[in-house]
Amino acid sequence: MKRFIKYNKFIPINESHLTKDLVNIVVWKIINNYRLPDEFIINRDITFAFKFFITFTAKFKMNNKLSIVFYL
């Protein structure tokens, strides 16, 4: 029997950090201990999410072809 397991990992941070520092924290706490997640849920505005993923893809030398669609 196959089981579907879903889990979440929250990283509480009390200080203000740059986007580059947050990418390093995610790599250190999540990717090194588990694996690359299927999805990221970010509770910030779209500009932060865009900067985060640009920095994230640059860190791993990935080609980034992001398209952001705004729904009104």
PDB file of N, CA and C in Angstrom:
ATOM      1  N   MET A   1       0.847  -1.169   0.000  1.00  0.00           N
ATOM      2  CA  MET A   1       0.000   0.000   0.000  1.00  0.00           C
ATOM      3  C   MET A   1       0.893   1.234   0.000  1.00  0.00           C
ATOM      4  N   LYS A   2       0.610   2.145  -0.889  1.00  0.00           N
ATOM      5  CA  LYS A   2       1.372   3.390  -0.945  1.00  0.00           C
ATOM      6  C   LYS A   2       0.766   4.416   0.002  1.00  0.00           C
ATOM      7  N   ARG A   3       1.635   5.171   0.620  1.00  0.00           N
ATOM      8  CA  ARG A   3       1.176   6.225   1.510  1.00  0.00           C
ATOM      9  C   ARG A   3       1.646   7.563   0.968  1.00  0.00           C
ATOM     10  N   PHE A   4       0.780   8.519   1.052  1.00  0.00           N
ATOM     11  CA  PHE A   4       1.139   9.871   0.679  1.00  0.00           C
ATOM     12  C   PHE A   4       1.398  10.648   1.960  1.00  0.00           C
ATOM     13  N   ILE A   5       2.605  11.130   2.084  1.00  0.00           N
ATOM     14  CA  ILE A   5       2.978  11.857   3.290  1.00  0.00           C
ATOM     15  C   ILE A   5       3.295  13.289   2.902  1.00  0.00           C
ATOM     16  N   LYS A   6       2.700  14.199   3.614  1.00  0.00           N
ATOM     17  CA  LYS A   6       2.935  15.612   3.377  1.00  0.00           C
ATOM     18  C   LYS A   6       3.456  16.205   4.673  1.00  0.00           C
ATOM     19  N   TYR A   7       4.503  16.980   4.567  1.00  0.00           N
ATOM     20  CA  TYR A   7       5.057  17.582   5.764  1.00  0.00           C
ATOM     21  C   TYR A   7       5.468  19.016   5.470  1.00  0.00           C
ATOM     22  N   ASN A   8       5.561  19.796   6.515  1.00  0.00           N
ATOM     23  CA  ASN A   8       5.953  21.198   6.408  1.00  0.00           C
ATOM     24  C   ASN A   8       7.136  21.448   7.326  1.00  0.00           C
ATOM     25  N   LYS A   9       7.957  22.364   6.938  1.00  0.00           N
ATOM     26  CA  LYS A   9       9.087  22.764   7.770  1.00  0.00           C
ATOM     27  C   LYS A   9       9.078  24.276   7.843  1.00  0.00           C
ATOM     28  N   PHE A  10       8.933  24.807   9.029  1.00  0.00           N
ATOM     29  CA  PHE A  10       8.923  26.241   9.244  1.00  0.00           C
ATOM     30  C   PHE A  10      10.245  26.662   9.862  1.00  0.00           C
ATOM     31  N   ILE A  11      10.756  27.780   9.404  1.00  0.00           N
ATOM     32  CA  ILE A  11      12.004  28.312   9.942  1.00  0.00           C
ATOM     33  C   ILE A  11      11.693  29.644  10.611  1.00  0.00           C
ATOM     34  N   PRO A  12      11.578  29.663  11.933  1.00  0.00           N
ATOM     35  CA  PRO A  12      11.316  30.944  12.599  1.00  0.00           C
ATOM     36  C   PRO A  12      12.583  31.794  12.646  1.00  0.00           C
ATOM     37  N   ILE A  13      12.450  33.033  12.225  1.00  0.00           N
ATOM     38  CA  ILE A  13      13.583  33.955  12.211  1.00  0.00           C
ATOM     39  C   ILE A  13      13.133  35.242  12.887  1.00  0.00           C
ATOM     40  N   ASN A  14      13.876  35.676  13.884  1.00  0.00           N
ATOM     41  CA  ASN A  14      13.505  36.860  14.649  1.00  0.00           C
ATOM     42  C   ASN A  14      14.178  38.129  14.167  1.00  0.00           C
ATOM     43  N   GLU A  15      15.140  38.010  13.294  1.00  0.00           N
ATOM     44  CA  GLU A  15      15.912  39.167  12.876  1.00  0.00           C
ATOM     45  C   GLU A  15      15.622  39.503  11.419  1.00  0.00           C
ATOM     46  N   SER A  16      16.027  40.676  11.017  1.00  0.00           N
ATOM     47  CA  SER A  16      15.907  41.086   9.631  1.00  0.00           C
ATOM     48  C   SER A  16      17.144  40.618   8.870  1.00  0.00           C
ATOM     49  N   HIS A  17      16.932  39.968   7.740  1.00  0.00           N
ATOM     50  CA  HIS A  17      18.027  39.436   6.937  1.00  0.00           C
ATOM     51  C   HIS A  17      17.893  39.896   5.493  1.00  0.00           C
ATOM     52  N   LEU A  18      18.991  39.877   4.789  1.00  0.00           N
ATOM     53  CA  LEU A  18      18.959  40.112   3.356  1.00  0.00           C
ATOM     54  C   LEU A  18      18.461  38.856   2.648  1.00  0.00           C
ATOM     55  N   THR A  19      18.034  39.013   1.415  1.00  0.00           N
ATOM     56  CA  THR A  19      17.538  37.875   0.646  1.00  0.00           C
ATOM     57  C   THR A  19      18.615  36.808   0.479  1.00  0.00           C
ATOM     58  N   LYS A  20      19.854  37.245   0.258  1.00  0.00           N
ATOM     59  CA  LYS A  20      20.965  36.300   0.102  1.00  0.00           C
ATOM     60  C   LYS A  20      21.151  35.464   1.363  1.00  0.00           C
ATOM     61  N   ASP A  21      21.009  36.091   2.526  1.00  0.00           N
ATOM     62  CA  ASP A  21      21.138  35.371   3.788  1.00  0.00           C
ATOM     63  C   ASP A  21      20.004  34.366   3.978  1.00  0.00           C
ATOM     64  N   LEU A  22      18.796  34.740   3.579  1.00  0.00           N
ATOM     65  CA  LEU A  22      17.661  33.818   3.709  1.00  0.00           C
ATOM     66  C   LEU A  22      17.800  32.614   2.795  1.00  0.00           C
ATOM     67  N   VAL A  23      18.341  32.811   1.609  1.00  0.00           N
ATOM     68  CA  VAL A  23      18.598  31.683   0.710  1.00  0.00           C
ATOM     69  C   VAL A  23      19.608  30.741   1.350  1.00  0.00           C
ATOM     70  N   ASN A  24      20.648  31.280   1.948  1.00  0.00           N
ATOM     71  CA  ASN A  24      21.639  30.437   2.624  1.00  0.00           C
ATOM     72  C   ASN A  24      21.024  29.686   3.798  1.00  0.00           C
ATOM     73  N   ILE A  25      20.108  30.322   4.535  1.00  0.00           N
ATOM     74  CA  ILE A  25      19.435  29.648   5.652  1.00  0.00           C
ATOM     75  C   ILE A  25      18.565  28.506   5.140  1.00  0.00           C
ATOM     76  N   VAL A  26      17.833  28.729   4.045  1.00  0.00           N
ATOM     77  CA  VAL A  26      16.990  27.670   3.480  1.00  0.00           C
ATOM     78  C   VAL A  26      17.849  26.500   3.008  1.00  0.00           C
ATOM     79  N   VAL A  27      18.953  26.799   2.361  1.00  0.00           N
ATOM     80  CA  VAL A  27      19.847  25.720   1.900  1.00  0.00           C
ATOM     81  C   VAL A  27      20.413  24.964   3.092  1.00  0.00           C
ATOM     82  N   TRP A  28      20.818  25.672   4.119  1.00  0.00           N
ATOM     83  CA  TRP A  28      21.445  25.051   5.283  1.00  0.00           C
ATOM     84  C   TRP A  28      20.448  24.231   6.093  1.00  0.00           C
ATOM     85  N   LYS A  29      19.247  24.766   6.318  1.00  0.00           N
ATOM     86  CA  LYS A  29      18.284  24.097   7.201  1.00  0.00           C
ATOM     87  C   LYS A  29      17.408  23.079   6.472  1.00  0.00           C
ATOM     88  N   ILE A  30      17.050  23.329   5.220  1.00  0.00           N
ATOM     89  CA  ILE A  30      16.079  22.473   4.532  1.00  0.00           C
ATOM     90  C   ILE A  30      16.749  21.528   3.548  1.00  0.00           C
ATOM     91  N   ILE A  31      17.428  22.077   2.572  1.00  0.00           N
ATOM     92  CA  ILE A  31      17.938  21.258   1.471  1.00  0.00           C
ATOM     93  C   ILE A  31      19.042  20.324   1.927  1.00  0.00           C
ATOM     94  N   ASN A  32      19.908  20.773   2.814  1.00  0.00           N
ATOM     95  CA  ASN A  32      20.973  19.892   3.298  1.00  0.00           C
ATOM     96  C   ASN A  32      20.440  18.757   4.160  1.00  0.00           C
ATOM     97  N   ASN A  33      19.356  18.987   4.892  1.00  0.00           N
ATOM     98  CA  ASN A  33      18.835  17.963   5.793  1.00  0.00           C
ATOM     99  C   ASN A  33      17.774  17.073   5.152  1.00  0.00           C
ATOM    100  N   TYR A  34      17.055  17.584   4.176  1.00  0.00           N
ATOM    101  CA  TYR A  34      15.969  16.813   3.573  1.00  0.00           C
ATOM    102  C   TYR A  34      16.229  16.650   2.081  1.00  0.00           C
ATOM    103  N   ARG A  35      15.637  17.486   1.284  1.00  0.00           N
ATOM    104  CA  ARG A  35      15.828  17.507  -0.162  1.00  0.00           C
ATOM    105  C   ARG A  35      15.234  18.809  -0.673  1.00  0.00           C
ATOM    106  N   LEU A  36      15.332  19.015  -1.957  1.00  0.00           N
ATOM    107  CA  LEU A  36      14.730  20.195  -2.551  1.00  0.00           C
ATOM    108  C   LEU A  36      13.215  20.034  -2.528  1.00  0.00           C
ATOM    109  N   PRO A  37      12.500  20.956  -1.895  1.00  0.00           N
ATOM    110  CA  PRO A  37      11.041  20.789  -1.786  1.00  0.00           C
ATOM    111  C   PRO A  37      10.342  20.961  -3.133  1.00  0.00           C
ATOM    112  N   ASP A  38       9.145  20.387  -3.213  1.00  0.00           N
ATOM    113  CA  ASP A  38       8.342  20.507  -4.423  1.00  0.00           C
ATOM    114  C   ASP A  38       7.776  21.910  -4.585  1.00  0.00           C
ATOM    115  N   GLU A  39       7.519  22.565  -3.472  1.00  0.00           N
ATOM    116  CA  GLU A  39       6.984  23.913  -3.532  1.00  0.00           C
ATOM    117  C   GLU A  39       7.450  24.724  -2.328  1.00  0.00           C
ATOM    118  N   PHE A  40       7.520  26.009  -2.535  1.00  0.00           N
ATOM    119  CA  PHE A  40       7.831  26.953  -1.471  1.00  0.00           C
ATOM    120  C   PHE A  40       6.580  27.782  -1.213  1.00  0.00           C
ATOM    121  N   ILE A  41       6.258  27.984   0.040  1.00  0.00           N
ATOM    122  CA  ILE A  41       5.174  28.883   0.402  1.00  0.00           C
ATOM    123  C   ILE A  41       5.807  30.045   1.145  1.00  0.00           C
ATOM    124  N   ILE A  42       5.729  31.208   0.544  1.00  0.00           N
ATOM    125  CA  ILE A  42       6.374  32.391   1.103  1.00  0.00           C
ATOM    126  C   ILE A  42       5.295  33.389   1.480  1.00  0.00           C
ATOM    127  N   ASN A  43       5.322  33.813   2.732  1.00  0.00           N
ATOM    128  CA  ASN A  43       4.327  34.748   3.232  1.00  0.00           C
ATOM    129  C   ASN A  43       4.868  36.182   3.130  1.00  0.00           C
ATOM    130  N   ARG A  44       5.259  36.569   1.952  1.00  0.00           N
ATOM    131  CA  ARG A  44       5.784  37.915   1.704  1.00  0.00           C
ATOM    132  C   ARG A  44       5.206  38.432   0.400  1.00  0.00           C
ATOM    133  N   ASP A  45       5.552  39.660   0.070  1.00  0.00           N
ATOM    134  CA  ASP A  45       5.032  40.237  -1.170  1.00  0.00           C
ATOM    135  C   ASP A  45       5.748  39.660  -2.390  1.00  0.00           C
ATOM    136  N   ILE A  46       5.259  40.024  -3.549  1.00  0.00           N
ATOM    137  CA  ILE A  46       5.758  39.444  -4.795  1.00  0.00           C
ATOM    138  C   ILE A  46       7.193  39.871  -5.096  1.00  0.00           C
ATOM    139  N   THR A  47       7.583  41.073  -4.679  1.00  0.00           N
ATOM    140  CA  THR A  47       8.954  41.518  -4.945  1.00  0.00           C
ATOM    141  C   THR A  47       9.954  40.706  -4.138  1.00  0.00           C
ATOM    142  N   PHE A  48       9.601  40.359  -2.889  1.00  0.00           N
ATOM    143  CA  PHE A  48      10.493  39.512  -2.102  1.00  0.00           C
ATOM    144  C   PHE A  48      10.604  38.126  -2.723  1.00  0.00           C
ATOM    145  N   ALA A  49       9.466  37.553  -3.123  1.00  0.00           N
ATOM    146  CA  ALA A  49       9.481  36.218  -3.723  1.00  0.00           C
ATOM    147  C   ALA A  49      10.319  36.211  -4.994  1.00  0.00           C
ATOM    148  N   PHE A  50      10.204  37.263  -5.792  1.00  0.00           N
ATOM    149  CA  PHE A  50      10.979  37.352  -7.023  1.00  0.00           C
ATOM    150  C   PHE A  50      12.474  37.422  -6.720  1.00  0.00           C
ATOM    151  N   LYS A  51      12.863  38.280  -5.776  1.00  0.00           N
ATOM    152  CA  LYS A  51      14.279  38.391  -5.390  1.00  0.00           C
ATOM    153  C   LYS A  51      14.794  37.082  -4.797  1.00  0.00           C
ATOM    154  N   PHE A  52      13.945  36.420  -3.997  1.00  0.00           N
ATOM    155  CA  PHE A  52      14.341  35.159  -3.373  1.00  0.00           C
ATOM    156  C   PHE A  52      14.648  34.110  -4.440  1.00  0.00           C
ATOM    157  N   PHE A  53      13.761  33.945  -5.410  1.00  0.00           N
ATOM    158  CA  PHE A  53      13.965  32.899  -6.410  1.00  0.00           C
ATOM    159  C   PHE A  53      15.067  33.243  -7.396  1.00  0.00           C
ATOM    160  N   ILE A  54      15.278  34.520  -7.684  1.00  0.00           N
ATOM    161  CA  ILE A  54      16.417  34.916  -8.519  1.00  0.00           C
ATOM    162  C   ILE A  54      17.718  34.564  -7.806  1.00  0.00           C
ATOM    163  N   THR A  55      17.793  34.893  -6.527  1.00  0.00           N
ATOM    164  CA  THR A  55      18.989  34.578  -5.736  1.00  0.00           C
ATOM    165  C   THR A  55      19.166  33.072  -5.584  1.00  0.00           C
ATOM    166  N   PHE A  56      18.059  32.355  -5.373  1.00  0.00           N
ATOM    167  CA  PHE A  56      18.095  30.905  -5.206  1.00  0.00           C
ATOM    168  C   PHE A  56      18.596  30.215  -6.468  1.00  0.00           C
ATOM    169  N   THR A  57      18.068  30.613  -7.625  1.00  0.00           N
ATOM    170  CA  THR A  57      18.503  29.995  -8.866  1.00  0.00           C
ATOM    171  C   THR A  57      19.935  30.373  -9.220  1.00  0.00           C
ATOM    172  N   ALA A  58      20.358  31.574  -8.861  1.00  0.00           N
ATOM    173  CA  ALA A  58      21.743  31.981  -9.118  1.00  0.00           C
ATOM    174  C   ALA A  58      22.714  31.188  -8.251  1.00  0.00           C
ATOM    175  N   LYS A  59      22.307  30.879  -7.029  1.00  0.00           N
ATOM    176  CA  LYS A  59      23.181  30.110  -6.125  1.00  0.00           C
ATOM    177  C   LYS A  59      23.474  28.724  -6.687  1.00  0.00           C
ATOM    178  N   PHE A  60      22.483  28.092  -7.308  1.00  0.00           N
ATOM    179  CA  PHE A  60      22.657  26.756  -7.859  1.00  0.00           C
ATOM    180  C   PHE A  60      22.981  26.765  -9.341  1.00  0.00           C
ATOM    181  N   LYS A  61      23.246  27.952  -9.889  1.00  0.00           N
ATOM    182  CA  LYS A  61      23.619  28.118 -11.299  1.00  0.00           C
ATOM    183  C   LYS A  61      22.578  27.499 -12.232  1.00  0.00           C
ATOM    184  N   MET A  62      21.311  27.756 -11.931  1.00  0.00           N
ATOM    185  CA  MET A  62      20.212  27.281 -12.765  1.00  0.00           C
ATOM    186  C   MET A  62      19.795  28.379 -13.733  1.00  0.00           C
ATOM    187  N   ASN A  63      19.282  27.978 -14.860  1.00  0.00           N
ATOM    188  CA  ASN A  63      18.684  28.942 -15.778  1.00  0.00           C
ATOM    189  C   ASN A  63      17.327  29.327 -15.224  1.00  0.00           C
ATOM    190  N   ASN A  64      17.100  30.610 -15.085  1.00  0.00           N
ATOM    191  CA  ASN A  64      15.811  31.034 -14.554  1.00  0.00           C
ATOM    192  C   ASN A  64      15.003  31.713 -15.647  1.00  0.00           C
ATOM    193  N   LYS A  65      13.871  31.136 -15.898  1.00  0.00           N
ATOM    194  CA  LYS A  65      12.922  31.707 -16.839  1.00  0.00           C
ATOM    195  C   LYS A  65      11.607  31.871 -16.090  1.00  0.00           C
ATOM    196  N   LEU A  66      11.611  32.816 -15.177  1.00  0.00           N
ATOM    197  CA  LEU A  66      10.441  33.038 -14.346  1.00  0.00           C
ATOM    198  C   LEU A  66       9.449  33.930 -15.071  1.00  0.00           C
ATOM    199  N   SER A  67       8.208  33.573 -14.985  1.00  0.00           N
ATOM    200  CA  SER A  67       7.157  34.465 -15.459  1.00  0.00           C
ATOM    201  C   SER A  67       6.162  34.610 -14.318  1.00  0.00           C
ATOM    202  N   ILE A  68       5.862  35.830 -14.002  1.00  0.00           N
ATOM    203  CA  ILE A  68       4.936  36.102 -12.924  1.00  0.00           C
ATOM    204  C   ILE A  68       3.673  36.691 -13.531  1.00  0.00           C
ATOM    205  N   VAL A  69       2.573  36.062 -13.258  1.00  0.00           N
ATOM    206  CA  VAL A  69       1.300  36.493 -13.800  1.00  0.00           C
ATOM    207  C   VAL A  69       0.482  37.103 -12.665  1.00  0.00           C
ATOM    208  N   PHE A  70      -0.050  38.253 -12.913  1.00  0.00           N
ATOM    209  CA  PHE A  70      -0.884  38.918 -11.923  1.00  0.00           C
ATOM    210  C   PHE A  70      -2.349  38.680 -12.288  1.00  0.00           C
ATOM    211  N   TYR A  71      -3.107  38.168 -11.372  1.00  0.00           N
ATOM    212  CA  TYR A  71      -4.531  37.955 -11.576  1.00  0.00           C
ATOM    213  C   TYR A  71      -5.296  39.064 -10.867  1.00  0.00           C
ATOM    214  N   LEU A  72      -6.165  39.690 -11.601  1.00  0.00           N
ATOM    215  CA  LEU A  72      -6.975  40.775 -11.017  1.00  0.00           C
ATOM    216  C   LEU A  72      -8.381  40.313 -10.769  1.00  0.00           C
TER     217      LEU A  72
END
